[in-house]
Each structure stands twice: as C-alpha cells, then as structure tokens.
Amino acid sequence: MPIDLKKALAAKHETTHQSYSETDVILYNLGIGASAGATDTDQLELGYTYEQNLTVLPSFGVIPVFPMMDQTFLHTPGIDVPMAKVLHGEQEIEIHRPLPPNAQLESRASIPAIYDKGKSALVIIQVDTKEKGGDPICTNRFSLFARGEGGFGGERGPKAGNKAPDERAPDFTVESTSTVNQPLLYRLTGDMNPLHADPEVAKKAGFPRPILQGLCTFGMVCKAVVDGVLGGDVSQVAGYGVRFASPFFPGDTLVTKVWKDGDKKLLISSHAKDGGGFVLTNAFITLR
C-alpha cells in the first residue's frame, strides 16, 4: 500500500532552520494585496508596506515553513504518493505570540494523523516553530488530500466544523480587490507553481487562466478580518483556519463575511463577487 499508517505516524523528522526579514514581510503583504488602491496617507496600509512599525499578519507564519509541506510529505517513511495526486485542502495556524518583523527560527515537522476518507487519504502535517533558542511562536497544520489513496481502514477523522451561520446576516462584510498580476507577485514568497503564472499550464489543468494561490487568498482573508473587524490589531488573533473550496481568479473582488460566535471566535466565509462560488469555507479566527 502507498500509505503505511503505522510507519508514517511513527516517523521522526529533524529540526530545520529558517529566517526572515522585514523585506520578506513587506513582500508578503504586497503579495496579498496590501496598499492596493490606497493613498500615501493611509496609515493602516503604510503599516504593511514600511519597515517602521511593520505589521506582521498571523497568516505570514505559514511562509517560512511552507517548503516543509512538500518535503515532509515526500520524505516520510510509509508515504509513497506522488505530489501530482495531492491537493492542499485546509490550512490552520495557531499563534502562540505575535510574529516579530524579523526572526531566526527552528521548526520541526510531524504527522499527527492520517484519516481514511474513502477515496482519498487526509494527511495532517504539523510544523511547530519557535524562535532560535527561544519560545514557541506558531504551529502550522497543513491538511493534504491524497486522491485515490483511501480505503486503508483508518479512522475517518472529525467532521468539518466552523460552518458559517447562513441563517442570519453576517456581522461584518469586507471586500478585498485583487489585481491581475497578484499571483505573479505572490509567487515570489515561495509558491512557484506554474499553475499560477503560465496560461498553458492553467488550461491543461482545466482553468481558463492562471488562478490565485490558495495561501494568497488565505492571507487576503486574514488581512480583511484584521483590518475590517479588529481595527488592524494583529495581537488579538490566537488562531486562524480555513478550508479551500474553489479557485479564485486574479482581478476579481473577494467578499469576506464574518459572524461573531461568542466573545472569542469569528466564523468566516469568502466568495468571489463576480460569481464562481465560495473560495474559503469553514473558516474561523480565535481571539485572545
């Protein structure tokens, strides 16, 4: 079998090292749409694009460890599945403390669970990150669907939660404008998949043109909620998670709806304003 459950869950991974600077944070912020349409006096947007008092979104925490998603999947004993069969289905990040504008990091990957979804296997890759020689800073959980690799007799896993309460109007609605060249800028943060740049590759994959990276929409929605609901205060975010529902095309407007769920949780869904269905579903932000 391509997936040996016992061997994969028992696999140990070495600590790896990453670093980032203010320039990396600014590039990421620009890649998810910071300053688009803003004036030079917009102090909120300036905080995303100027190193003095630089704003680091919680969603940036996925960037330094993003390469570990593929590396862990491909090099874990007990998993023998080509990446061509893999779909990034969900992303969750837990923020132990606000991300600094620059850092030296130490990260260790693990696979805490693999679920049997029938036709597919759902592989959870967890990456725990701390500052070098210091305290934990964030924990990422990448949920990868391995198509055609289910049926091995494992647990199905928990049902999807954090469903938006569509029976009542959202408490907040925020619109985010994207640009046609946004995936070309965002790919400089590390996701160089040609699906997001090459029209011919996109057509072969069944799309009329290149699509925006899922983690770019992940960042756009995080920024929309931080700006539109939390007044730009990133320190309030303790956790953030989404399910990737459908592609989003650059140039469209992303509409993010937010519902309060008690005092410490926000439920979120996002869709393309020009049609095409939901982009992110089962999304949430937990608050401190």
C-alpha atoms as a PDB file:
ATOM      1  CA  MET A   1       0.000   0.000   0.000  1.00  0.00           C
ATOM      2  CA  PRO A   2       1.309   3.509  -0.777  1.00  0.00           C
ATOM      3  CA  ILE A   3       0.443   4.587   2.792  1.00  0.00           C
ATOM      4  CA  ASP A   4       1.725   2.542   5.725  1.00  0.00           C
ATOM      5  CA  LEU A   5      -0.206   4.169   8.557  1.00  0.00           C
ATOM      6  CA  LYS A   6       1.871   2.817  11.431  1.00  0.00           C
ATOM      7  CA  LYS A   7       5.202   3.680   9.837  1.00  0.00           C
ATOM      8  CA  ALA A   8       4.124   7.185   8.753  1.00  0.00           C
ATOM      9  CA  LEU A   9       2.769   8.150  12.177  1.00  0.00           C
ATOM     10  CA  ALA A  10       5.923   6.865  13.912  1.00  0.00           C
ATOM     11  CA  ALA A  11       8.338   8.733  11.611  1.00  0.00           C
ATOM     12  CA  LYS A  12      10.674  11.274  13.213  1.00  0.00           C
ATOM     13  CA  HIS A  13      11.800  14.441  11.469  1.00  0.00           C
ATOM     14  CA  GLU A  14      14.833  16.594  12.142  1.00  0.00           C
ATOM     15  CA  THR A  15      14.712  20.196  13.262  1.00  0.00           C
ATOM     16  CA  THR A  16      15.191  22.645  10.391  1.00  0.00           C
ATOM     17  CA  HIS A  17      16.140  26.314  10.420  1.00  0.00           C
ATOM     18  CA  GLN A  18      14.517  29.284   8.718  1.00  0.00           C
ATOM     19  CA  SER A  19      14.856  33.044   8.841  1.00  0.00           C
ATOM     20  CA  TYR A  20      13.004  36.048   7.523  1.00  0.00           C
ATOM     21  CA  SER A  21      13.466  39.806   7.457  1.00  0.00           C
ATOM     22  CA  GLU A  22      11.327  42.913   7.224  1.00  0.00           C
ATOM     23  CA  THR A  23      11.729  42.760   3.435  1.00  0.00           C
ATOM     24  CA  ASP A  24      10.158  39.286   3.356  1.00  0.00           C
ATOM     25  CA  VAL A  25       7.205  40.519   5.411  1.00  0.00           C
ATOM     26  CA  ILE A  26       6.675  43.545   3.160  1.00  0.00           C
ATOM     27  CA  LEU A  27       6.841  41.361   0.029  1.00  0.00           C
ATOM     28  CA  TYR A  28       4.243  39.029   1.516  1.00  0.00           C
ATOM     29  CA  ASN A  29       1.966  41.930   2.458  1.00  0.00           C
ATOM     30  CA  LEU A  30       2.187  43.331  -1.069  1.00  0.00           C
ATOM     31  CA  GLY A  31       1.549  39.850  -2.473  1.00  0.00           C
ATOM     32  CA  ILE A  32      -1.766  39.553  -0.625  1.00  0.00           C
ATOM     33  CA  GLY A  33      -2.886  42.997  -1.754  1.00  0.00           C
ATOM     34  CA  ALA A  34      -1.609  45.493   0.813  1.00  0.00           C
ATOM     35  CA  SER A  35      -1.692  49.105  -0.423  1.00  0.00           C
ATOM     36  CA  ALA A  36      -3.835  48.218  -3.455  1.00  0.00           C
ATOM     37  CA  GLY A  37      -5.828  51.374  -4.144  1.00  0.00           C
ATOM     38  CA  ALA A  38      -4.509  53.116  -1.007  1.00  0.00           C
ATOM     39  CA  THR A  39      -3.222  56.671  -0.833  1.00  0.00           C
ATOM     40  CA  ASP A  40       0.181  57.633   0.545  1.00  0.00           C
ATOM     41  CA  THR A  41      -1.545  58.943   3.687  1.00  0.00           C
ATOM     42  CA  ASP A  42      -3.315  55.660   4.524  1.00  0.00           C
ATOM     43  CA  GLN A  43      -1.638  54.832   7.820  1.00  0.00           C
ATOM     44  CA  LEU A  44      -3.178  51.371   8.110  1.00  0.00           C
ATOM     45  CA  GLU A  45      -1.791  50.292   4.745  1.00  0.00           C
ATOM     46  CA  LEU A  46       1.519  52.041   5.398  1.00  0.00           C
ATOM     47  CA  GLY A  47       1.957  49.727   8.359  1.00  0.00           C
ATOM     48  CA  TYR A  48       2.033  46.808   5.926  1.00  0.00           C
ATOM     49  CA  THR A  49       4.499  48.319   3.474  1.00  0.00           C
ATOM     50  CA  TYR A  50       7.008  50.342   5.552  1.00  0.00           C
ATOM     51  CA  GLU A  51       9.538  48.795   7.898  1.00  0.00           C
ATOM     52  CA  GLN A  52       8.939  51.312  10.673  1.00  0.00           C
ATOM     53  CA  ASN A  53       6.251  49.805  12.963  1.00  0.00           C
ATOM     54  CA  LEU A  54       5.770  46.997  10.447  1.00  0.00           C
ATOM     55  CA  THR A  55       2.547  44.967  10.750  1.00  0.00           C
ATOM     56  CA  VAL A  56       3.072  41.179  10.557  1.00  0.00           C
ATOM     57  CA  LEU A  57      -0.155  39.318   9.866  1.00  0.00           C
ATOM     58  CA  PRO A  58      -0.726  35.964  11.615  1.00  0.00           C
ATOM     59  CA  SER A  59      -1.076  34.325   8.190  1.00  0.00           C
ATOM     60  CA  PHE A  60       2.557  35.209   7.420  1.00  0.00           C
ATOM     61  CA  GLY A  61       3.540  32.428   9.815  1.00  0.00           C
ATOM     62  CA  VAL A  62       2.980  29.873   7.056  1.00  0.00           C
ATOM     63  CA  ILE A  63       5.576  31.439   4.743  1.00  0.00           C
ATOM     64  CA  PRO A  64       8.893  30.493   6.410  1.00  0.00           C
ATOM     65  CA  VAL A  65       7.826  26.841   6.759  1.00  0.00           C
ATOM     66  CA  PHE A  66       5.868  26.450   3.505  1.00  0.00           C
ATOM     67  CA  PRO A  67       8.595  24.307   1.842  1.00  0.00           C
ATOM     68  CA  MET A  68       8.254  21.814   4.708  1.00  0.00           C
ATOM     69  CA  MET A  69       4.785  20.828   3.490  1.00  0.00           C
ATOM     70  CA  ASP A  70       6.065  19.102   0.339  1.00  0.00           C
ATOM     71  CA  GLN A  71       9.345  17.980   1.887  1.00  0.00           C
ATOM     72  CA  THR A  72       7.637  16.250   4.803  1.00  0.00           C
ATOM     73  CA  PHE A  73       5.061  14.552   2.610  1.00  0.00           C
ATOM     74  CA  LEU A  74       7.666  13.303   0.133  1.00  0.00           C
ATOM     75  CA  HIS A  75      10.243  12.137   2.683  1.00  0.00           C
ATOM     76  CA  THR A  76       8.123  10.484   5.351  1.00  0.00           C
ATOM     77  CA  PRO A  77       8.624   6.699   5.554  1.00  0.00           C
ATOM     78  CA  GLY A  78       5.327   4.956   4.940  1.00  0.00           C
ATOM     79  CA  ILE A  79       4.033   7.513   2.423  1.00  0.00           C
ATOM     80  CA  ASP A  80       4.698   6.725  -1.238  1.00  0.00           C
ATOM     81  CA  VAL A  81       2.359   9.059  -3.101  1.00  0.00           C
ATOM     82  CA  PRO A  82       3.348  11.445  -5.946  1.00  0.00           C
ATOM     83  CA  MET A  83       2.612  15.124  -5.321  1.00  0.00           C
ATOM     84  CA  ALA A  84       0.558  15.187  -8.521  1.00  0.00           C
ATOM     85  CA  LYS A  85      -2.149  13.304  -6.595  1.00  0.00           C
ATOM     86  CA  VAL A  86      -2.090  15.712  -3.648  1.00  0.00           C
ATOM     87  CA  LEU A  87      -4.478  18.616  -3.001  1.00  0.00           C
ATOM     88  CA  HIS A  88      -3.933  21.199  -0.263  1.00  0.00           C
ATOM     89  CA  GLY A  89      -7.375  21.093   1.338  1.00  0.00           C
ATOM     90  CA  GLU A  90      -7.139  23.014   4.600  1.00  0.00           C
ATOM     91  CA  GLN A  91      -4.738  25.275   6.465  1.00  0.00           C
ATOM     92  CA  GLU A  92      -4.655  26.170  10.128  1.00  0.00           C
ATOM     93  CA  ILE A  93      -2.203  28.221  12.150  1.00  0.00           C
ATOM     94  CA  GLU A  94      -2.027  28.645  15.906  1.00  0.00           C
ATOM     95  CA  ILE A  95      -0.299  31.835  17.051  1.00  0.00           C
ATOM     96  CA  HIS A  96       1.456  31.458  20.388  1.00  0.00           C
ATOM     97  CA  ARG A  97       2.561  35.091  20.367  1.00  0.00           C
ATOM     98  CA  PRO A  98       2.563  37.874  17.759  1.00  0.00           C
ATOM     99  CA  LEU A  99       5.068  37.334  14.979  1.00  0.00           C
ATOM    100  CA  PRO A 100       8.079  39.676  15.082  1.00  0.00           C
ATOM    101  CA  PRO A 101       9.117  41.657  11.961  1.00  0.00           C
ATOM    102  CA  ASN A 102      12.277  39.525  11.623  1.00  0.00           C
ATOM    103  CA  ALA A 103      13.389  36.275  13.198  1.00  0.00           C
ATOM    104  CA  GLN A 104      15.699  33.274  13.221  1.00  0.00           C
ATOM    105  CA  LEU A 105      13.539  30.156  13.536  1.00  0.00           C
ATOM    106  CA  GLU A 106      13.717  26.475  14.413  1.00  0.00           C
ATOM    107  CA  SER A 107      10.954  24.175  13.139  1.00  0.00           C
ATOM    108  CA  ARG A 108      10.128  20.509  13.450  1.00  0.00           C
ATOM    109  CA  ALA A 109       7.551  18.650  11.371  1.00  0.00           C
ATOM    110  CA  SER A 110       5.411  15.693  12.383  1.00  0.00           C
ATOM    111  CA  ILE A 111       2.409  13.776  11.073  1.00  0.00           C
ATOM    112  CA  PRO A 112      -0.048  13.533  13.968  1.00  0.00           C
ATOM    113  CA  ALA A 113      -2.855  11.921  11.967  1.00  0.00           C
ATOM    114  CA  ILE A 114      -3.805  10.299   8.654  1.00  0.00           C
ATOM    115  CA  TYR A 115      -7.524   9.850   8.035  1.00  0.00           C
ATOM    116  CA  ASP A 116      -9.251   7.459   5.666  1.00  0.00           C
ATOM    117  CA  LYS A 117     -11.782   9.438   3.642  1.00  0.00           C
ATOM    118  CA  GLY A 118     -12.812   6.537   1.434  1.00  0.00           C
ATOM    119  CA  LYS A 119     -11.488   7.528  -1.970  1.00  0.00           C
ATOM    120  CA  SER A 120      -8.770   9.744  -0.507  1.00  0.00           C
ATOM    121  CA  ALA A 121      -6.415   9.865   2.447  1.00  0.00           C
ATOM    122  CA  LEU A 122      -6.183  13.053   4.502  1.00  0.00           C
ATOM    123  CA  VAL A 123      -2.641  13.600   5.763  1.00  0.00           C
ATOM    124  CA  ILE A 124      -2.122  16.170   8.533  1.00  0.00           C
ATOM    125  CA  ILE A 125       1.348  17.698   8.563  1.00  0.00           C
ATOM    126  CA  GLN A 126       2.099  19.734  11.682  1.00  0.00           C
ATOM    127  CA  VAL A 127       5.027  22.126  11.898  1.00  0.00           C
ATOM    128  CA  ASP A 128       5.946  23.520  15.315  1.00  0.00           C
ATOM    129  CA  THR A 129       8.063  26.667  15.111  1.00  0.00           C
ATOM    130  CA  LYS A 130       9.956  28.630  17.738  1.00  0.00           C
ATOM    131  CA  GLU A 131      12.483  31.420  17.660  1.00  0.00           C
ATOM    132  CA  LYS A 132      16.037  30.072  17.621  1.00  0.00           C
ATOM    133  CA  GLY A 133      16.910  29.187  21.208  1.00  0.00           C
ATOM    134  CA  GLY A 134      13.655  30.746  22.367  1.00  0.00           C
ATOM    135  CA  ASP A 135       9.959  30.148  22.930  1.00  0.00           C
ATOM    136  CA  PRO A 136       7.278  28.729  20.585  1.00  0.00           C
ATOM    137  CA  ILE A 137       5.930  31.237  18.111  1.00  0.00           C
ATOM    138  CA  CYS A 138       3.427  29.365  15.911  1.00  0.00           C
ATOM    139  CA  THR A 139       2.119  25.945  14.887  1.00  0.00           C
ATOM    140  CA  ASN A 140       1.000  25.246  11.324  1.00  0.00           C
ATOM    141  CA  ARG A 141      -1.218  22.360  10.271  1.00  0.00           C
ATOM    142  CA  PHE A 142      -1.313  21.536   6.560  1.00  0.00           C
ATOM    143  CA  SER A 143      -4.151  19.179   5.576  1.00  0.00           C
ATOM    144  CA  LEU A 144      -3.357  17.343   2.342  1.00  0.00           C
ATOM    145  CA  PHE A 145      -5.799  15.147   0.409  1.00  0.00           C
ATOM    146  CA  ALA A 146      -4.027  12.265  -1.350  1.00  0.00           C
ATOM    147  CA  ARG A 147      -6.500  11.342  -4.076  1.00  0.00           C
ATOM    148  CA  GLY A 148      -7.098   7.650  -4.650  1.00  0.00           C
ATOM    149  CA  GLU A 149      -5.195   6.631  -1.507  1.00  0.00           C
ATOM    150  CA  GLY A 150      -8.075   5.935   0.876  1.00  0.00           C
ATOM    151  CA  GLY A 151      -9.595   2.629   1.812  1.00  0.00           C
ATOM    152  CA  PHE A 152      -6.791   1.513   4.123  1.00  0.00           C
ATOM    153  CA  GLY A 153      -9.113   1.044   7.094  1.00  0.00           C
ATOM    154  CA  GLY A 154      -8.143   4.065   9.146  1.00  0.00           C
ATOM    155  CA  GLU A 155     -10.348   6.470  11.105  1.00  0.00           C
ATOM    156  CA  ARG A 156     -12.393   8.912   9.036  1.00  0.00           C
ATOM    157  CA  GLY A 157     -11.494  11.818  11.287  1.00  0.00           C
ATOM    158  CA  PRO A 158     -13.635  14.607  12.718  1.00  0.00           C
ATOM    159  CA  LYS A 159     -16.427  16.199  10.723  1.00  0.00           C
ATOM    160  CA  ALA A 160     -15.841  19.665   9.338  1.00  0.00           C
ATOM    161  CA  GLY A 161     -16.773  22.363  11.831  1.00  0.00           C
ATOM    162  CA  ASN A 162     -16.848  26.150  11.961  1.00  0.00           C
ATOM    163  CA  LYS A 163     -19.717  26.408   9.494  1.00  0.00           C
ATOM    164  CA  ALA A 164     -20.886  29.940   8.832  1.00  0.00           C
ATOM    165  CA  PRO A 165     -24.422  30.581  10.213  1.00  0.00           C
ATOM    166  CA  ASP A 166     -26.062  31.417   6.895  1.00  0.00           C
ATOM    167  CA  GLU A 167     -29.468  31.657   8.569  1.00  0.00           C
ATOM    168  CA  ARG A 168     -28.552  35.134   9.831  1.00  0.00           C
ATOM    169  CA  ALA A 169     -26.846  38.101   8.246  1.00  0.00           C
ATOM    170  CA  PRO A 170     -23.113  38.488   8.843  1.00  0.00           C
ATOM    171  CA  ASP A 171     -21.927  40.955  11.463  1.00  0.00           C
ATOM    172  CA  PHE A 172     -19.273  42.260   9.067  1.00  0.00           C
ATOM    173  CA  THR A 173     -18.697  42.182   5.313  1.00  0.00           C
ATOM    174  CA  VAL A 174     -15.317  43.182   3.880  1.00  0.00           C
ATOM    175  CA  GLU A 175     -14.360  43.413   0.210  1.00  0.00           C
ATOM    176  CA  SER A 176     -10.786  42.890  -0.995  1.00  0.00           C
ATOM    177  CA  THR A 177      -9.758  43.890  -4.505  1.00  0.00           C
ATOM    178  CA  SER A 178      -7.217  41.691  -6.266  1.00  0.00           C
ATOM    179  CA  THR A 179      -5.083  42.594  -9.264  1.00  0.00           C
ATOM    180  CA  VAL A 180      -4.438  40.554 -12.401  1.00  0.00           C
ATOM    181  CA  ASN A 181      -0.698  40.355 -11.645  1.00  0.00           C
ATOM    182  CA  GLN A 182      -1.150  39.393  -7.986  1.00  0.00           C
ATOM    183  CA  PRO A 183      -0.211  35.692  -8.369  1.00  0.00           C
ATOM    184  CA  LEU A 184       2.995  36.757 -10.130  1.00  0.00           C
ATOM    185  CA  LEU A 185       3.940  38.884  -7.131  1.00  0.00           C
ATOM    186  CA  TYR A 186       2.795  36.395  -4.511  1.00  0.00           C
ATOM    187  CA  ARG A 187       4.788  33.539  -6.081  1.00  0.00           C
ATOM    188  CA  LEU A 188       7.966  35.391  -5.070  1.00  0.00           C
ATOM    189  CA  THR A 189       7.141  34.451  -1.464  1.00  0.00           C
ATOM    190  CA  GLY A 190       7.883  30.816  -2.319  1.00  0.00           C
ATOM    191  CA  ASP A 191       4.989  29.208  -4.227  1.00  0.00           C
ATOM    192  CA  MET A 192       6.464  28.935  -7.733  1.00  0.00           C
ATOM    193  CA  ASN A 193       3.842  26.527  -9.102  1.00  0.00           C
ATOM    194  CA  PRO A 194       3.433  27.442 -12.815  1.00  0.00           C
ATOM    195  CA  LEU A 195      -0.334  26.935 -12.457  1.00  0.00           C
ATOM    196  CA  HIS A 196      -0.409  30.478 -11.066  1.00  0.00           C
ATOM    197  CA  ALA A 197       1.658  32.049 -13.847  1.00  0.00           C
ATOM    198  CA  ASP A 198       1.572  30.086 -17.111  1.00  0.00           C
ATOM    199  CA  PRO A 199      -1.689  30.264 -19.134  1.00  0.00           C
ATOM    200  CA  GLU A 200      -0.892  26.987 -20.923  1.00  0.00           C
ATOM    201  CA  VAL A 201      -0.353  25.115 -17.662  1.00  0.00           C
ATOM    202  CA  ALA A 202      -3.610  26.562 -16.336  1.00  0.00           C
ATOM    203  CA  LYS A 203      -5.513  25.418 -19.449  1.00  0.00           C
ATOM    204  CA  LYS A 204      -4.130  21.880 -19.141  1.00  0.00           C
ATOM    205  CA  ALA A 205      -5.384  21.861 -15.540  1.00  0.00           C
ATOM    206  CA  GLY A 206      -8.865  22.861 -16.727  1.00  0.00           C
ATOM    207  CA  PHE A 207      -8.802  26.588 -15.923  1.00  0.00           C
ATOM    208  CA  PRO A 208      -9.339  29.407 -18.450  1.00  0.00           C
ATOM    209  CA  ARG A 209      -6.376  31.307 -16.981  1.00  0.00           C
ATOM    210  CA  PRO A 210      -3.965  31.142 -14.033  1.00  0.00           C
ATOM    211  CA  ILE A 211      -5.604  31.058 -10.610  1.00  0.00           C
ATOM    212  CA  LEU A 212      -4.551  32.779  -7.408  1.00  0.00           C
ATOM    213  CA  GLN A 213      -2.609  30.698  -4.908  1.00  0.00           C
ATOM    214  CA  GLY A 214      -4.796  29.254  -2.139  1.00  0.00           C
ATOM    215  CA  LEU A 215      -2.466  30.576   0.527  1.00  0.00           C
ATOM    216  CA  CYS A 216      -2.696  34.009  -1.088  1.00  0.00           C
ATOM    217  CA  THR A 217      -6.464  34.014  -0.531  1.00  0.00           C
ATOM    218  CA  PHE A 218      -5.705  32.679   2.968  1.00  0.00           C
ATOM    219  CA  GLY A 219      -3.658  35.839   3.573  1.00  0.00           C
ATOM    220  CA  MET A 220      -6.167  38.153   1.888  1.00  0.00           C
ATOM    221  CA  VAL A 221      -8.976  36.961   4.139  1.00  0.00           C
ATOM    222  CA  CYS A 222      -6.819  37.213   7.256  1.00  0.00           C
ATOM    223  CA  LYS A 223      -5.973  40.808   6.352  1.00  0.00           C
ATOM    224  CA  ALA A 224      -9.620  41.596   5.574  1.00  0.00           C
ATOM    225  CA  VAL A 225     -10.702  40.421   9.032  1.00  0.00           C
ATOM    226  CA  VAL A 226      -7.799  42.045  10.882  1.00  0.00           C
ATOM    227  CA  ASP A 227      -8.450  45.377   9.156  1.00  0.00           C
ATOM    228  CA  GLY A 228     -12.224  45.299   8.868  1.00  0.00           C
ATOM    229  CA  VAL A 229     -13.142  43.690  12.190  1.00  0.00           C
ATOM    230  CA  LEU A 230     -10.161  44.013  14.550  1.00  0.00           C
ATOM    231  CA  GLY A 231      -9.079  47.524  13.638  1.00  0.00           C
ATOM    232  CA  GLY A 232      -5.684  46.352  12.427  1.00  0.00           C
ATOM    233  CA  ASP A 233      -4.737  44.759  15.761  1.00  0.00           C
ATOM    234  CA  VAL A 234      -2.932  41.511  14.862  1.00  0.00           C
ATOM    235  CA  SER A 235      -2.223  40.764  18.532  1.00  0.00           C
ATOM    236  CA  GLN A 236      -5.865  39.738  19.022  1.00  0.00           C
ATOM    237  CA  VAL A 237      -5.506  36.684  16.772  1.00  0.00           C
ATOM    238  CA  ALA A 238      -4.747  33.412  18.567  1.00  0.00           C
ATOM    239  CA  GLY A 239      -5.589  31.071  15.689  1.00  0.00           C
ATOM    240  CA  TYR A 240      -6.827  31.024  12.108  1.00  0.00           C
ATOM    241  CA  GLY A 241      -8.000  28.184   9.900  1.00  0.00           C
ATOM    242  CA  VAL A 242      -9.715  27.709   6.522  1.00  0.00           C
ATOM    243  CA  ARG A 243     -10.913  25.110   4.058  1.00  0.00           C
ATOM    244  CA  PHE A 244     -10.042  25.790   0.410  1.00  0.00           C
ATOM    245  CA  ALA A 245     -13.314  25.394  -1.502  1.00  0.00           C
ATOM    246  CA  SER A 246     -12.780  26.612  -5.067  1.00  0.00           C
ATOM    247  CA  PRO A 247     -10.292  28.620  -7.161  1.00  0.00           C
ATOM    248  CA  PHE A 248     -10.210  32.400  -7.163  1.00  0.00           C
ATOM    249  CA  PHE A 249      -9.205  34.302 -10.278  1.00  0.00           C
ATOM    250  CA  PRO A 250      -6.933  37.351 -10.013  1.00  0.00           C
ATOM    251  CA  GLY A 251      -8.712  40.582 -10.844  1.00  0.00           C
ATOM    252  CA  ASP A 252     -11.934  39.538  -9.083  1.00  0.00           C
ATOM    253  CA  THR A 253     -13.122  41.009  -5.788  1.00  0.00           C
ATOM    254  CA  LEU A 254     -13.080  38.745  -2.740  1.00  0.00           C
ATOM    255  CA  VAL A 255     -16.067  39.200  -0.426  1.00  0.00           C
ATOM    256  CA  THR A 256     -15.461  38.076   3.155  1.00  0.00           C
ATOM    257  CA  LYS A 257     -18.373  37.641   5.559  1.00  0.00           C
ATOM    258  CA  VAL A 258     -17.780  37.434   9.300  1.00  0.00           C
ATOM    259  CA  TRP A 259     -20.067  36.287  12.115  1.00  0.00           C
ATOM    260  CA  LYS A 260     -19.366  36.646  15.825  1.00  0.00           C
ATOM    261  CA  ASP A 261     -19.510  33.301  17.648  1.00  0.00           C
ATOM    262  CA  GLY A 262     -19.322  34.323  21.289  1.00  0.00           C
ATOM    263  CA  ASP A 263     -16.583  36.610  22.566  1.00  0.00           C
ATOM    264  CA  LYS A 264     -13.564  34.611  21.402  1.00  0.00           C
ATOM    265  CA  LYS A 265     -14.376  33.318  17.936  1.00  0.00           C
ATOM    266  CA  LEU A 266     -15.232  34.621  14.491  1.00  0.00           C
ATOM    267  CA  LEU A 267     -16.739  32.425  11.769  1.00  0.00           C
ATOM    268  CA  ILE A 268     -15.843  33.328   8.201  1.00  0.00           C
ATOM    269  CA  SER A 269     -16.714  32.547   4.598  1.00  0.00           C
ATOM    270  CA  SER A 270     -15.430  34.152   1.413  1.00  0.00           C
ATOM    271  CA  HIS A 271     -16.668  34.175  -2.149  1.00  0.00           C
ATOM    272  CA  ALA A 272     -15.866  35.844  -5.447  1.00  0.00           C
ATOM    273  CA  LYS A 273     -18.056  38.885  -6.030  1.00  0.00           C
ATOM    274  CA  ASP A 274     -18.299  38.168  -9.750  1.00  0.00           C
ATOM    275  CA  GLY A 275     -19.560  34.623  -9.195  1.00  0.00           C
ATOM    276  CA  GLY A 276     -17.867  31.248  -9.011  1.00  0.00           C
ATOM    277  CA  GLY A 277     -18.990  30.121  -5.574  1.00  0.00           C
ATOM    278  CA  PHE A 278     -17.248  30.003  -2.241  1.00  0.00           C
ATOM    279  CA  VAL A 279     -13.466  30.362  -2.179  1.00  0.00           C
ATOM    280  CA  LEU A 280     -12.911  29.665   1.523  1.00  0.00           C
ATOM    281  CA  THR A 281     -15.374  27.899   3.825  1.00  0.00           C
ATOM    282  CA  ASN A 282     -15.401  26.543   7.376  1.00  0.00           C
ATOM    283  CA  ALA A 283     -13.039  29.362   8.254  1.00  0.00           C
ATOM    284  CA  PHE A 284     -12.509  30.823  11.703  1.00  0.00           C
ATOM    285  CA  ILE A 285     -10.361  33.133  13.790  1.00  0.00           C
ATOM    286  CA  THR A 286      -9.974  32.583  17.516  1.00  0.00           C
ATOM    287  CA  LEU A 287      -9.286  35.650  19.651  1.00  0.00           C
ATOM    288  CA  ARG A 288      -7.194  36.195  22.755  1.00  0.00           C
END
